[in-house]
Amino acid sequence: MSLVNILNINVLDNPSSITSPLQFEITFECNAELEDDLEWRMIYVGSAESQEYDQVLDSIMVGPIPVGVNKFVFSAGPPKLELLPQNDLLEVTVVLLSCLYRDKEFVRVGYYVNNEYVDEALRDAPPEQVQIDKLQRNILSDKPKVTRYTINWSNPQQSDPVAGQTDQDMMVQ
């Protein structure tokens, strides 16, 4: 049983410029006292072809966590676009929110992200060189992919017979 459950995630300032910060308002419930903080990571998948282009946009420690419902805004700067393949700047990619307790990931929420030109003429006939200042990022917030991992909350170093099992579903908002 997970001691922390995500209740809701709101994507803020969406859609926005591709160079704007990414912001998520996260509401979660803590069902028991935790001895340590939670680590939250925001990861931008830079290319479907290779993980080498993935960028950790931010990693924060949140705590101490009181029992009950908690809420915070997780904000991070945009990915470093100059490090991404030019042909992957347009179209669909993914942003991941991951939460860990004692270095063990117990939940990951993935959102599809559509990067496209605001101007219809540029969408219909994109220039050879991507014009970053004309791109808009739209995080498809209505159907996130949620993956839960079973961890041992009391002693993460101890082997847990069900550790590593996953449960995937779509979060309804």
C-alpha atoms as a PDB file:
ATOM      1  CA  MET A   1       0.000   0.000   0.000  1.00  0.00           C
ATOM      2  CA  SER A   2       1.334   3.405  -0.947  1.00  0.00           C
ATOM      3  CA  LEU A   3       1.658   5.923   1.860  1.00  0.00           C
ATOM      4  CA  VAL A   4       1.460   8.797  -0.648  1.00  0.00           C
ATOM      5  CA  ASN A   5      -1.214   9.101  -3.336  1.00  0.00           C
ATOM      6  CA  ILE A   6      -1.530  11.792  -5.981  1.00  0.00           C
ATOM      7  CA  LEU A   7      -5.029  13.260  -5.896  1.00  0.00           C
ATOM      8  CA  ASN A   8      -4.739  15.781  -8.727  1.00  0.00           C
ATOM      9  CA  ILE A   9      -2.280  17.565 -10.992  1.00  0.00           C
ATOM     10  CA  ASN A  10      -3.183  20.817 -12.740  1.00  0.00           C
ATOM     11  CA  VAL A  11      -1.031  21.997 -15.611  1.00  0.00           C
ATOM     12  CA  LEU A  12      -0.625  25.766 -15.230  1.00  0.00           C
ATOM     13  CA  ASP A  13      -0.005  28.344 -17.981  1.00  0.00           C
ATOM     14  CA  ASN A  14      -0.950  25.928 -20.714  1.00  0.00           C
ATOM     15  CA  PRO A  15      -0.555  26.312 -23.639  1.00  0.00           C
ATOM     16  CA  SER A  16       2.451  28.620 -23.586  1.00  0.00           C
ATOM     17  CA  SER A  17       5.604  29.521 -25.447  1.00  0.00           C
ATOM     18  CA  ILE A  18       8.104  26.685 -25.778  1.00  0.00           C
ATOM     19  CA  THR A  19      10.596  28.890 -23.888  1.00  0.00           C
ATOM     20  CA  SER A  20       8.295  29.459 -20.885  1.00  0.00           C
ATOM     21  CA  PRO A  21       8.683  27.602 -17.577  1.00  0.00           C
ATOM     22  CA  LEU A  22       6.655  24.433 -17.030  1.00  0.00           C
ATOM     23  CA  GLN A  23       4.359  24.579 -13.979  1.00  0.00           C
ATOM     24  CA  PHE A  24       2.290  21.901 -12.288  1.00  0.00           C
ATOM     25  CA  GLU A  25       0.075  22.269  -9.225  1.00  0.00           C
ATOM     26  CA  ILE A  26       0.321  18.909  -7.448  1.00  0.00           C
ATOM     27  CA  THR A  27      -2.153  17.781  -4.787  1.00  0.00           C
ATOM     28  CA  PHE A  28      -1.323  14.597  -2.916  1.00  0.00           C
ATOM     29  CA  GLU A  29      -2.373  12.772   0.204  1.00  0.00           C
ATOM     30  CA  CYS A  30      -0.013  11.405   2.838  1.00  0.00           C
ATOM     31  CA  ASN A  31      -1.601   8.512   4.756  1.00  0.00           C
ATOM     32  CA  ALA A  32       1.052   8.057   7.460  1.00  0.00           C
ATOM     33  CA  GLU A  33       3.962   9.932   8.978  1.00  0.00           C
ATOM     34  CA  LEU A  34       7.066   9.874   6.785  1.00  0.00           C
ATOM     35  CA  GLU A  35      10.544   9.933   8.293  1.00  0.00           C
ATOM     36  CA  ASP A  36      12.122  11.499   5.199  1.00  0.00           C
ATOM     37  CA  ASP A  37      11.280  14.044   2.499  1.00  0.00           C
ATOM     38  CA  LEU A  38       9.832  13.230  -0.910  1.00  0.00           C
ATOM     39  CA  GLU A  39      11.917  13.940  -4.008  1.00  0.00           C
ATOM     40  CA  TRP A  40      10.048  15.220  -7.073  1.00  0.00           C
ATOM     41  CA  ARG A  41      11.664  15.275 -10.524  1.00  0.00           C
ATOM     42  CA  MET A  42      10.526  16.903 -13.748  1.00  0.00           C
ATOM     43  CA  ILE A  43      12.014  15.284 -16.857  1.00  0.00           C
ATOM     44  CA  TYR A  44      11.653  16.443 -20.463  1.00  0.00           C
ATOM     45  CA  VAL A  45      12.034  13.669 -23.042  1.00  0.00           C
ATOM     46  CA  GLY A  46      14.048  15.313 -25.792  1.00  0.00           C
ATOM     47  CA  SER A  47      13.871  12.566 -28.400  1.00  0.00           C
ATOM     48  CA  ALA A  48      12.023   9.300 -28.842  1.00  0.00           C
ATOM     49  CA  GLU A  49      15.171   7.890 -30.463  1.00  0.00           C
ATOM     50  CA  SER A  50      17.554   8.177 -27.509  1.00  0.00           C
ATOM     51  CA  GLN A  51      17.536   8.844 -23.761  1.00  0.00           C
ATOM     52  CA  GLU A  52      20.718  10.901 -24.149  1.00  0.00           C
ATOM     53  CA  TYR A  53      18.514  13.921 -24.960  1.00  0.00           C
ATOM     54  CA  ASP A  54      16.338  13.608 -21.836  1.00  0.00           C
ATOM     55  CA  GLN A  55      16.754  16.566 -19.490  1.00  0.00           C
ATOM     56  CA  VAL A  56      16.001  16.694 -15.775  1.00  0.00           C
ATOM     57  CA  LEU A  57      14.447  20.165 -15.650  1.00  0.00           C
ATOM     58  CA  ASP A  58      14.383  20.236 -11.856  1.00  0.00           C
ATOM     59  CA  SER A  59      14.574  18.007  -8.808  1.00  0.00           C
ATOM     60  CA  ILE A  60      13.233  19.223  -5.473  1.00  0.00           C
ATOM     61  CA  MET A  61      12.930  17.845  -1.970  1.00  0.00           C
ATOM     62  CA  VAL A  62       9.526  18.388  -0.352  1.00  0.00           C
ATOM     63  CA  GLY A  63       9.140  17.905   3.369  1.00  0.00           C
ATOM     64  CA  PRO A  64       8.543  17.382   6.126  1.00  0.00           C
ATOM     65  CA  ILE A  65       5.226  16.047   4.881  1.00  0.00           C
ATOM     66  CA  PRO A  66       2.284  16.276   7.296  1.00  0.00           C
ATOM     67  CA  VAL A  67      -0.339  13.537   7.280  1.00  0.00           C
ATOM     68  CA  GLY A  68      -3.322  14.626   5.192  1.00  0.00           C
ATOM     69  CA  VAL A  69      -3.786  16.511   1.931  1.00  0.00           C
ATOM     70  CA  ASN A  70      -0.849  18.611   0.680  1.00  0.00           C
ATOM     71  CA  LYS A  71      -0.463  20.910  -2.325  1.00  0.00           C
ATOM     72  CA  PHE A  72       2.437  22.712  -3.986  1.00  0.00           C
ATOM     73  CA  VAL A  73       3.421  24.192  -7.339  1.00  0.00           C
ATOM     74  CA  PHE A  74       6.341  22.513  -9.092  1.00  0.00           C
ATOM     75  CA  SER A  75       7.893  24.939 -11.563  1.00  0.00           C
ATOM     76  CA  ALA A  76      10.947  24.470 -13.743  1.00  0.00           C
ATOM     77  CA  GLY A  77      12.593  26.320 -16.568  1.00  0.00           C
ATOM     78  CA  PRO A  78      12.126  25.035 -20.105  1.00  0.00           C
ATOM     79  CA  PRO A  79      14.450  22.448 -21.612  1.00  0.00           C
ATOM     80  CA  LYS A  80      17.685  23.654 -23.173  1.00  0.00           C
ATOM     81  CA  LEU A  81      16.466  23.591 -26.751  1.00  0.00           C
ATOM     82  CA  GLU A  82      19.966  23.942 -28.172  1.00  0.00           C
ATOM     83  CA  LEU A  83      20.757  20.463 -26.760  1.00  0.00           C
ATOM     84  CA  LEU A  84      17.829  18.823 -28.572  1.00  0.00           C
ATOM     85  CA  PRO A  85      17.850  17.502 -32.139  1.00  0.00           C
ATOM     86  CA  GLN A  86      16.260  20.146 -34.406  1.00  0.00           C
ATOM     87  CA  ASN A  87      13.970  17.572 -36.016  1.00  0.00           C
ATOM     88  CA  ASP A  88      12.552  16.685 -32.560  1.00  0.00           C
ATOM     89  CA  LEU A  89      11.604  20.248 -31.581  1.00  0.00           C
ATOM     90  CA  LEU A  90       8.310  19.992 -33.459  1.00  0.00           C
ATOM     91  CA  GLU A  91       5.486  17.531 -32.919  1.00  0.00           C
ATOM     92  CA  VAL A  92       4.940  15.287 -29.893  1.00  0.00           C
ATOM     93  CA  THR A  93       7.213  14.527 -26.961  1.00  0.00           C
ATOM     94  CA  VAL A  94       6.718  13.753 -23.246  1.00  0.00           C
ATOM     95  CA  VAL A  95       7.233  15.438 -19.887  1.00  0.00           C
ATOM     96  CA  LEU A  96       7.468  13.204 -16.802  1.00  0.00           C
ATOM     97  CA  LEU A  97       6.804  13.975 -13.144  1.00  0.00           C
ATOM     98  CA  SER A  98       8.372  11.405 -10.860  1.00  0.00           C
ATOM     99  CA  CYS A  99       8.207  11.058  -7.081  1.00  0.00           C
ATOM    100  CA  LEU A 100      10.690   9.136  -4.955  1.00  0.00           C
ATOM    101  CA  TYR A 101      10.947   8.224  -1.301  1.00  0.00           C
ATOM    102  CA  ARG A 102      14.399   7.300  -0.032  1.00  0.00           C
ATOM    103  CA  ASP A 103      15.677   7.127  -3.626  1.00  0.00           C
ATOM    104  CA  LYS A 104      12.926   4.679  -4.649  1.00  0.00           C
ATOM    105  CA  GLU A 105      10.488   5.824  -7.317  1.00  0.00           C
ATOM    106  CA  PHE A 106       6.886   5.029  -6.387  1.00  0.00           C
ATOM    107  CA  VAL A 107       4.920   7.037  -8.953  1.00  0.00           C
ATOM    108  CA  ARG A 108       5.511   8.533 -12.401  1.00  0.00           C
ATOM    109  CA  VAL A 109       3.067  10.714 -14.309  1.00  0.00           C
ATOM    110  CA  GLY A 110       3.650  11.241 -18.019  1.00  0.00           C
ATOM    111  CA  TYR A 111       2.088  13.885 -20.228  1.00  0.00           C
ATOM    112  CA  TYR A 112       2.240  14.127 -23.988  1.00  0.00           C
ATOM    113  CA  VAL A 113       3.503  17.509 -25.144  1.00  0.00           C
ATOM    114  CA  ASN A 114       2.725  18.925 -28.574  1.00  0.00           C
ATOM    115  CA  ASN A 115       5.141  21.580 -29.855  1.00  0.00           C
ATOM    116  CA  GLU A 116       3.875  23.400 -32.915  1.00  0.00           C
ATOM    117  CA  TYR A 117       3.866  26.741 -34.671  1.00  0.00           C
ATOM    118  CA  VAL A 118       1.195  29.194 -33.556  1.00  0.00           C
ATOM    119  CA  ASP A 119       0.867  30.530 -37.100  1.00  0.00           C
ATOM    120  CA  GLU A 120      -1.182  28.252 -39.369  1.00  0.00           C
ATOM    121  CA  ALA A 121       0.925  29.118 -42.428  1.00  0.00           C
ATOM    122  CA  LEU A 122       4.075  27.931 -40.609  1.00  0.00           C
ATOM    123  CA  ARG A 123       2.283  24.741 -39.505  1.00  0.00           C
ATOM    124  CA  ASP A 124       1.255  23.995 -43.099  1.00  0.00           C
ATOM    125  CA  ALA A 125       4.693  24.758 -44.549  1.00  0.00           C
ATOM    126  CA  PRO A 126       7.316  24.619 -41.762  1.00  0.00           C
ATOM    127  CA  PRO A 127      10.599  26.384 -42.528  1.00  0.00           C
ATOM    128  CA  GLU A 128      13.735  24.285 -42.857  1.00  0.00           C
ATOM    129  CA  GLN A 129      15.283  25.986 -39.812  1.00  0.00           C
ATOM    130  CA  VAL A 130      12.972  25.807 -36.765  1.00  0.00           C
ATOM    131  CA  GLN A 131      11.838  29.256 -35.596  1.00  0.00           C
ATOM    132  CA  ILE A 132      11.804  28.759 -31.834  1.00  0.00           C
ATOM    133  CA  ASP A 133      10.267  32.164 -31.077  1.00  0.00           C
ATOM    134  CA  LYS A 134       7.136  31.115 -32.997  1.00  0.00           C
ATOM    135  CA  LEU A 135       6.642  27.737 -31.270  1.00  0.00           C
ATOM    136  CA  GLN A 136       3.952  26.970 -28.724  1.00  0.00           C
ATOM    137  CA  ARG A 137       4.031  24.135 -26.181  1.00  0.00           C
ATOM    138  CA  ASN A 138       0.745  22.438 -25.356  1.00  0.00           C
ATOM    139  CA  ILE A 139       0.833  19.861 -22.550  1.00  0.00           C
ATOM    140  CA  LEU A 140      -2.025  17.437 -23.159  1.00  0.00           C
ATOM    141  CA  SER A 141      -3.293  17.465 -19.597  1.00  0.00           C
ATOM    142  CA  ASP A 142      -6.541  15.550 -20.013  1.00  0.00           C
ATOM    143  CA  LYS A 143      -5.073  12.017 -20.151  1.00  0.00           C
ATOM    144  CA  PRO A 144      -1.840  11.613 -18.202  1.00  0.00           C
ATOM    145  CA  LYS A 145      -0.295   8.176 -17.972  1.00  0.00           C
ATOM    146  CA  VAL A 146       0.227   7.203 -14.332  1.00  0.00           C
ATOM    147  CA  THR A 147       2.560   4.377 -13.342  1.00  0.00           C
ATOM    148  CA  ARG A 148       2.782   3.286  -9.712  1.00  0.00           C
ATOM    149  CA  TYR A 149       5.650   1.232  -8.327  1.00  0.00           C
ATOM    150  CA  THR A 150       5.495  -0.826  -5.155  1.00  0.00           C
ATOM    151  CA  ILE A 151       8.235   0.103  -2.689  1.00  0.00           C
ATOM    152  CA  ASN A 152       9.053  -0.810   0.897  1.00  0.00           C
ATOM    153  CA  TRP A 153       8.178   2.408   2.744  1.00  0.00           C
ATOM    154  CA  SER A 154       9.686   1.425   6.105  1.00  0.00           C
ATOM    155  CA  ASN A 155      13.041   0.014   4.985  1.00  0.00           C
ATOM    156  CA  PRO A 156      13.970   0.628   1.339  1.00  0.00           C
ATOM    157  CA  GLN A 157      17.222  -1.344   1.689  1.00  0.00           C
ATOM    158  CA  GLN A 158      15.337  -4.495   2.701  1.00  0.00           C
ATOM    159  CA  SER A 159      14.118  -6.779  -0.057  1.00  0.00           C
ATOM    160  CA  ASP A 160      10.356  -6.624  -0.533  1.00  0.00           C
ATOM    161  CA  PRO A 161       8.658  -9.563  -2.300  1.00  0.00           C
ATOM    162  CA  VAL A 162       6.293  -7.216  -4.164  1.00  0.00           C
ATOM    163  CA  ALA A 163       8.785  -4.402  -4.771  1.00  0.00           C
ATOM    164  CA  GLY A 164       9.115  -3.479  -8.381  1.00  0.00           C
ATOM    165  CA  GLN A 165       5.561  -4.424  -9.303  1.00  0.00           C
ATOM    166  CA  THR A 166       3.825  -1.756 -11.339  1.00  0.00           C
ATOM    167  CA  ASP A 167       0.280  -0.611 -11.785  1.00  0.00           C
ATOM    168  CA  GLN A 168      -0.549   1.629 -14.741  1.00  0.00           C
ATOM    169  CA  ASP A 169      -3.649   3.656 -15.406  1.00  0.00           C
ATOM    170  CA  MET A 170      -4.866   6.959 -16.713  1.00  0.00           C
ATOM    171  CA  MET A 171      -5.530   9.687 -14.163  1.00  0.00           C
ATOM    172  CA  VAL A 172      -8.947  11.289 -14.430  1.00  0.00           C
ATOM    173  CA  GLN A 173      -8.953  15.016 -13.753  1.00  0.00           C
END
